[in-house]
Protein backbone atom coordinates (compact mmCIF):
# COMPACT_ATOMS: atom_id res chain seq x y z
CA MET A 1 53.76 -8.35 37.23
CA ALA A 2 51.55 -6.76 35.20
CA LEU A 3 50.31 -3.62 37.02
CA PRO A 4 45.83 -3.86 37.70
CA LEU A 5 43.78 -1.58 35.64
CA ILE A 6 41.77 0.01 38.19
CA PRO A 7 43.67 0.87 41.76
CA PRO A 8 42.90 -0.93 44.91
CA GLY A 9 40.56 -0.14 46.93
CA TRP A 10 38.23 1.73 43.52
CA MET A 11 34.75 1.15 43.99
CA ALA A 12 32.86 1.35 40.07
CA PRO A 13 29.70 3.64 40.90
CA MET A 14 26.14 1.54 41.28
CA ASP A 15 25.15 3.47 37.71
CA SER A 16 27.81 2.98 35.41
CA PHE A 17 28.49 3.83 32.00
CA GLU A 18 28.05 0.15 31.26
CA ARG A 19 25.02 -0.59 32.88
CA VAL A 20 23.17 2.25 32.26
CA TYR A 21 24.56 1.81 28.36
CA GLY A 22 22.66 -2.08 28.36
CA GLU A 23 19.60 -0.62 29.92
CA LEU A 24 19.77 2.19 27.39
CA GLU A 25 19.76 -1.54 24.30
CA GLU A 26 18.03 -3.23 25.85
CA THR A 27 15.48 -0.28 26.21
CA VAL A 28 16.00 0.59 21.96
CA ARG A 29 15.91 -2.85 21.07
CA LEU A 30 12.07 -3.27 23.19
CA LEU A 31 11.25 -0.43 21.53
CA ASP A 32 12.07 -2.01 17.99
CA ALA A 33 10.02 -5.00 18.82
CA GLY A 34 6.78 -3.42 18.47
CA GLY A 35 3.79 -4.79 19.97
CA GLN A 36 2.94 -2.13 22.71
CA THR A 37 0.48 0.07 23.33
CA LEU A 38 1.07 4.04 22.09
CA ASP A 39 1.04 5.15 25.55
CA GLU A 40 4.16 2.13 26.47
CA ALA A 41 5.75 3.08 23.23
CA ILE A 42 5.83 6.72 24.72
CA ALA A 43 6.87 5.85 28.08
CA LEU A 44 9.54 3.57 26.53
CA TYR A 45 11.34 6.22 25.02
CA GLU A 46 11.41 8.58 27.82
CA LYS A 47 13.15 5.96 29.28
CA GLY A 48 15.35 5.79 27.02
CA MET A 49 16.01 9.36 26.57
CA SER A 50 16.51 10.01 30.03
CA LEU A 51 19.51 6.19 29.50
CA ALA A 52 20.34 8.49 26.77
CA LYS A 53 21.58 11.88 28.93
CA ARG A 54 23.01 9.43 31.80
CA CYS A 55 24.96 7.70 29.45
CA GLN A 56 25.93 11.17 28.18
CA ASP A 57 27.08 12.88 31.45
CA LEU A 58 28.80 9.88 32.30
CA LEU A 59 30.80 10.13 29.48
CA ASP A 60 31.43 14.08 29.89
CA ALA A 61 32.32 13.40 33.88
CA ALA A 62 34.90 10.75 32.07
CA GLU A 63 36.07 12.80 29.54
CA LEU A 64 36.66 15.78 32.02
CA ARG A 65 38.85 13.17 34.61
CA ILE A 66 40.97 12.51 31.73
CA ILE A 67 41.69 15.56 30.72
CA THR A 68 42.42 16.68 34.37
CA LEU A 69 44.88 13.96 34.49
CA GLN A 70 46.47 14.91 31.10
CA GLN A 71 47.10 18.51 32.78
CA ALA A 72 48.29 16.96 35.83
CA ALA A 73 50.80 15.30 34.10
CA THR A 74 52.27 17.89 31.95
CA GLY A 75 51.37 20.88 34.88
CA SER A 76 50.17 22.78 31.98
CA ALA A 77 46.67 24.07 33.63
CA GLY A 78 44.25 25.17 30.29
């Protein structure tokens, strides 16, 4: 019997990396397509920068979790 990839009872955060990254991709697609006014393009750019930062924050948090798990598994503290 294969073990589940996600432990039972674990809930993915509403702000998942996949959701935020998908929204970032859509924002980039809209910017690439063009046709916006300058103000609309700037608003999309600001949204994209915010989404990119959120993606990076989520990746940083995931990396910290992995490092913590590795340290716990090996018994090292640093």
